[in-house]
Each structure stands twice: as structure tokens, then as C-alpha cells.
Amino acid sequence: QVQLVESGGGLVQAGGSLRLSCAASGRTFGNDAMGWFRQAPGKEREFVASIIWSGSTYYANSVKGRFTISRDNSQNTMELQMNSLKPEDTAVYYCNTAFGSYSWGQGTQVTVSA
């Protein structure tokens, strides 16, 4: 059974940066397309960014130019560098395959104050 563990969230002022990490156990990322998602209070979970095995990346328009997704297949980890954070980025952030194939982890809370 795959377990996904997100970390690195916190409270930051608008304009600040955070770096989120995702670690998987029970299965290697392999050739899976992996992604970050987020869910703000009262809203549906939404796509943030994804990265395929070759390193090509895709971003939601709302984070393009501010967030950078990366992966280390040898370590079975994935990261999300978030810069120029805005209050509307406040959410619980989750990692999963790009299609949400695995059970969702606990997520990591990101709170951006104005």
C-alpha cells in the first residue's frame, strides 16, 4: 500500500516562500506522472502542478511563474517550491499521482497572511 507524506507547510506572509516535500513509501514513483493539489476551506481540491518522468512540468494558471515542481526518482521524493505567495494560496497541499491514483495523505497546511 502506498503512503504519501507531505511536509514543509507553515505560516508565511504574502510575498514569502515555502518549499513543500512529498515522500512515498510502498512503491516507487517509477514512470508515474506526479502532482501537487490543494484544497482551500469550503472549496474542491484543485490541481496545482504536475511533473512526468522525463521532467516536463505543467502548472495551473494561478501558480504559473511562481511555483516550481521537481522530483527525485532515486529518492522517491517530490518537491514544490512556492515563491511570491499570495493569501489565495492558503490551502492544504497534497501530493499524489497526477491522476490522484493513490489514497490521499494528510496534506500539509499552507497559510499566507496578507
C-alpha atoms as a PDB file:
ATOM      1  CA  GLN A   1       0.000   0.000   0.000  1.00  0.00           C
ATOM      2  CA  VAL A   2       1.364   3.378  -0.988  1.00  0.00           C
ATOM      3  CA  GLN A   3       1.700   6.019   1.699  1.00  0.00           C
ATOM      4  CA  LEU A   4       2.206   9.630   0.779  1.00  0.00           C
ATOM      5  CA  VAL A   5       3.561  12.068   3.345  1.00  0.00           C
ATOM      6  CA  GLU A   6       3.599  15.793   2.712  1.00  0.00           C
ATOM      7  CA  SER A   7       5.641  18.251   4.752  1.00  0.00           C
ATOM      8  CA  GLY A   8       7.025  21.766   4.710  1.00  0.00           C
ATOM      9  CA  GLY A   9       3.881  23.810   5.136  1.00  0.00           C
ATOM     10  CA  GLY A  10       3.569  26.710   7.525  1.00  0.00           C
ATOM     11  CA  LEU A  11       2.534  30.301   8.056  1.00  0.00           C
ATOM     12  CA  VAL A  12       4.154  32.895   5.822  1.00  0.00           C
ATOM     13  CA  GLN A  13       3.489  36.498   4.895  1.00  0.00           C
ATOM     14  CA  ALA A  14       2.377  37.441   1.419  1.00  0.00           C
ATOM     15  CA  GLY A  15       5.367  37.567  -0.888  1.00  0.00           C
ATOM     16  CA  GLY A  16       7.193  34.908   1.064  1.00  0.00           C
ATOM     17  CA  SER A  17       8.314  31.418   0.066  1.00  0.00           C
ATOM     18  CA  LEU A  18       7.851  27.851   1.207  1.00  0.00           C
ATOM     19  CA  ARG A  19       9.180  24.552  -0.044  1.00  0.00           C
ATOM     20  CA  LEU A  20       6.930  21.515   0.241  1.00  0.00           C
ATOM     21  CA  SER A  21       8.159  17.946   0.161  1.00  0.00           C
ATOM     22  CA  CYS A  22       6.434  14.670  -0.653  1.00  0.00           C
ATOM     23  CA  ALA A  23       7.769  11.271   0.278  1.00  0.00           C
ATOM     24  CA  ALA A  24       6.260   7.988  -0.846  1.00  0.00           C
ATOM     25  CA  SER A  25       6.625   4.579   0.691  1.00  0.00           C
ATOM     26  CA  GLY A  26       5.348   1.252  -0.503  1.00  0.00           C
ATOM     27  CA  ARG A  27       6.021   1.941  -4.156  1.00  0.00           C
ATOM     28  CA  THR A  28       8.488   3.921  -6.183  1.00  0.00           C
ATOM     29  CA  PHE A  29       7.313   6.807  -8.332  1.00  0.00           C
ATOM     30  CA  GLY A  30       8.767   4.996 -11.318  1.00  0.00           C
ATOM     31  CA  ASN A  31       7.282   6.408 -14.502  1.00  0.00           C
ATOM     32  CA  ASP A  32       4.209   7.812 -12.766  1.00  0.00           C
ATOM     33  CA  ALA A  33       3.270  11.373 -13.541  1.00  0.00           C
ATOM     34  CA  MET A  34       3.183  13.005 -10.111  1.00  0.00           C
ATOM     35  CA  GLY A  35       1.359  16.064  -8.981  1.00  0.00           C
ATOM     36  CA  TRP A  36       0.532  18.563  -6.277  1.00  0.00           C
ATOM     37  CA  PHE A  37      -3.007  19.506  -5.415  1.00  0.00           C
ATOM     38  CA  ARG A  38      -4.559  21.842  -2.874  1.00  0.00           C
ATOM     39  CA  GLN A  39      -7.846  22.308  -1.099  1.00  0.00           C
ATOM     40  CA  ALA A  40      -8.893  25.599   0.417  1.00  0.00           C
ATOM     41  CA  PRO A  41     -11.631  25.764   3.072  1.00  0.00           C
ATOM     42  CA  GLY A  42     -15.050  25.281   1.518  1.00  0.00           C
ATOM     43  CA  LYS A  43     -13.626  24.535  -1.921  1.00  0.00           C
ATOM     44  CA  GLU A  44     -12.974  21.479  -4.038  1.00  0.00           C
ATOM     45  CA  ARG A  45      -9.495  20.012  -4.280  1.00  0.00           C
ATOM     46  CA  GLU A  46      -7.734  21.521  -7.282  1.00  0.00           C
ATOM     47  CA  PHE A  47      -4.733  20.767  -9.420  1.00  0.00           C
ATOM     48  CA  VAL A  48      -1.601  22.821  -8.780  1.00  0.00           C
ATOM     49  CA  ALA A  49       1.265  21.272 -10.738  1.00  0.00           C
ATOM     50  CA  SER A  50       2.453  18.002 -12.216  1.00  0.00           C
ATOM     51  CA  ILE A  51       5.679  16.506 -13.474  1.00  0.00           C
ATOM     52  CA  ILE A  52       6.158  13.487 -15.718  1.00  0.00           C
ATOM     53  CA  TRP A  53       9.019  11.013 -15.593  1.00  0.00           C
ATOM     54  CA  SER A  54      11.063  12.958 -18.151  1.00  0.00           C
ATOM     55  CA  GLY A  55      10.873  16.134 -16.102  1.00  0.00           C
ATOM     56  CA  SER A  56       8.303  18.028 -18.171  1.00  0.00           C
ATOM     57  CA  THR A  57       6.116  20.142 -15.948  1.00  0.00           C
ATOM     58  CA  TYR A  58       2.611  21.571 -16.028  1.00  0.00           C
ATOM     59  CA  TYR A  59       1.088  24.254 -13.829  1.00  0.00           C
ATOM     60  CA  ALA A  60      -2.271  25.721 -13.030  1.00  0.00           C
ATOM     61  CA  ASN A  61      -2.523  29.234 -14.432  1.00  0.00           C
ATOM     62  CA  SER A  62      -2.904  30.608 -10.918  1.00  0.00           C
ATOM     63  CA  VAL A  63       0.588  29.460  -9.892  1.00  0.00           C
ATOM     64  CA  LYS A  64       2.478  29.608 -13.170  1.00  0.00           C
ATOM     65  CA  GLY A  65       5.682  31.588 -12.805  1.00  0.00           C
ATOM     66  CA  ARG A  66       5.611  31.405  -9.002  1.00  0.00           C
ATOM     67  CA  PHE A  67       5.713  27.677  -8.211  1.00  0.00           C
ATOM     68  CA  THR A  68       8.243  25.087  -9.362  1.00  0.00           C
ATOM     69  CA  ILE A  69       7.688  21.341  -9.148  1.00  0.00           C
ATOM     70  CA  SER A  70      10.578  18.887  -9.105  1.00  0.00           C
ATOM     71  CA  ARG A  71      11.149  15.211  -8.418  1.00  0.00           C
ATOM     72  CA  ASP A  72      13.997  12.921  -7.441  1.00  0.00           C
ATOM     73  CA  ASN A  73      13.204   9.419  -8.628  1.00  0.00           C
ATOM     74  CA  SER A  74      16.250   7.977  -6.885  1.00  0.00           C
ATOM     75  CA  GLN A  75      14.967   9.243  -3.537  1.00  0.00           C
ATOM     76  CA  ASN A  76      11.286   8.721  -4.359  1.00  0.00           C
ATOM     77  CA  THR A  77      10.551  12.297  -3.408  1.00  0.00           C
ATOM     78  CA  MET A  78       8.919  15.298  -4.964  1.00  0.00           C
ATOM     79  CA  GLU A  79       9.020  18.974  -4.041  1.00  0.00           C
ATOM     80  CA  LEU A  80       7.110  22.151  -4.692  1.00  0.00           C
ATOM     81  CA  GLN A  81       8.967  25.438  -4.408  1.00  0.00           C
ATOM     82  CA  MET A  82       6.452  28.205  -3.829  1.00  0.00           C
ATOM     83  CA  ASN A  83       7.551  31.811  -4.250  1.00  0.00           C
ATOM     84  CA  SER A  84       5.676  35.116  -4.204  1.00  0.00           C
ATOM     85  CA  LEU A  85       2.950  33.515  -2.135  1.00  0.00           C
ATOM     86  CA  LYS A  86      -0.459  35.153  -2.027  1.00  0.00           C
ATOM     87  CA  PRO A  87      -3.274  34.877   0.543  1.00  0.00           C
ATOM     88  CA  GLU A  88      -5.293  32.946  -2.056  1.00  0.00           C
ATOM     89  CA  ASP A  89      -2.637  30.214  -1.970  1.00  0.00           C
ATOM     90  CA  THR A  90      -3.800  29.342   1.537  1.00  0.00           C
ATOM     91  CA  ALA A  91      -4.871  25.687   1.487  1.00  0.00           C
ATOM     92  CA  VAL A  92      -3.950  22.180   2.489  1.00  0.00           C
ATOM     93  CA  TYR A  93      -1.493  20.868  -0.091  1.00  0.00           C
ATOM     94  CA  TYR A  94      -1.409  17.228  -1.153  1.00  0.00           C
ATOM     95  CA  CYS A  95       0.789  15.123  -3.385  1.00  0.00           C
ATOM     96  CA  ASN A  96      -0.345  12.159  -5.445  1.00  0.00           C
ATOM     97  CA  THR A  97      -0.013  10.830  -8.932  1.00  0.00           C
ATOM     98  CA  ALA A  98      -1.204  13.344 -11.489  1.00  0.00           C
ATOM     99  CA  PHE A  99      -4.483  11.401 -11.629  1.00  0.00           C
ATOM    100  CA  GLY A 100      -4.923  11.008  -7.882  1.00  0.00           C
ATOM    101  CA  SER A 101      -4.414   7.259  -8.081  1.00  0.00           C
ATOM    102  CA  TYR A 102      -3.310   6.659  -4.526  1.00  0.00           C
ATOM    103  CA  SER A 103      -5.056   7.244  -1.220  1.00  0.00           C
ATOM    104  CA  TRP A 104      -4.675  10.851  -0.168  1.00  0.00           C
ATOM    105  CA  GLY A 105      -2.283  11.653   2.650  1.00  0.00           C
ATOM    106  CA  GLN A 106      -2.841  14.121   5.473  1.00  0.00           C
ATOM    107  CA  GLY A 107      -1.561  17.033   3.460  1.00  0.00           C
ATOM    108  CA  THR A 108       0.398  19.996   4.748  1.00  0.00           C
ATOM    109  CA  GLN A 109      -1.207  23.294   5.689  1.00  0.00           C
ATOM    110  CA  VAL A 110      -0.011  26.440   3.955  1.00  0.00           C
ATOM    111  CA  THR A 111      -1.297  29.723   5.346  1.00  0.00           C
ATOM    112  CA  VAL A 112      -0.397  33.006   3.701  1.00  0.00           C
ATOM    113  CA  SER A 113      -1.208  36.153   5.642  1.00  0.00           C
ATOM    114  CA  ALA A 114      -1.890  39.458   3.937  1.00  0.00           C
END
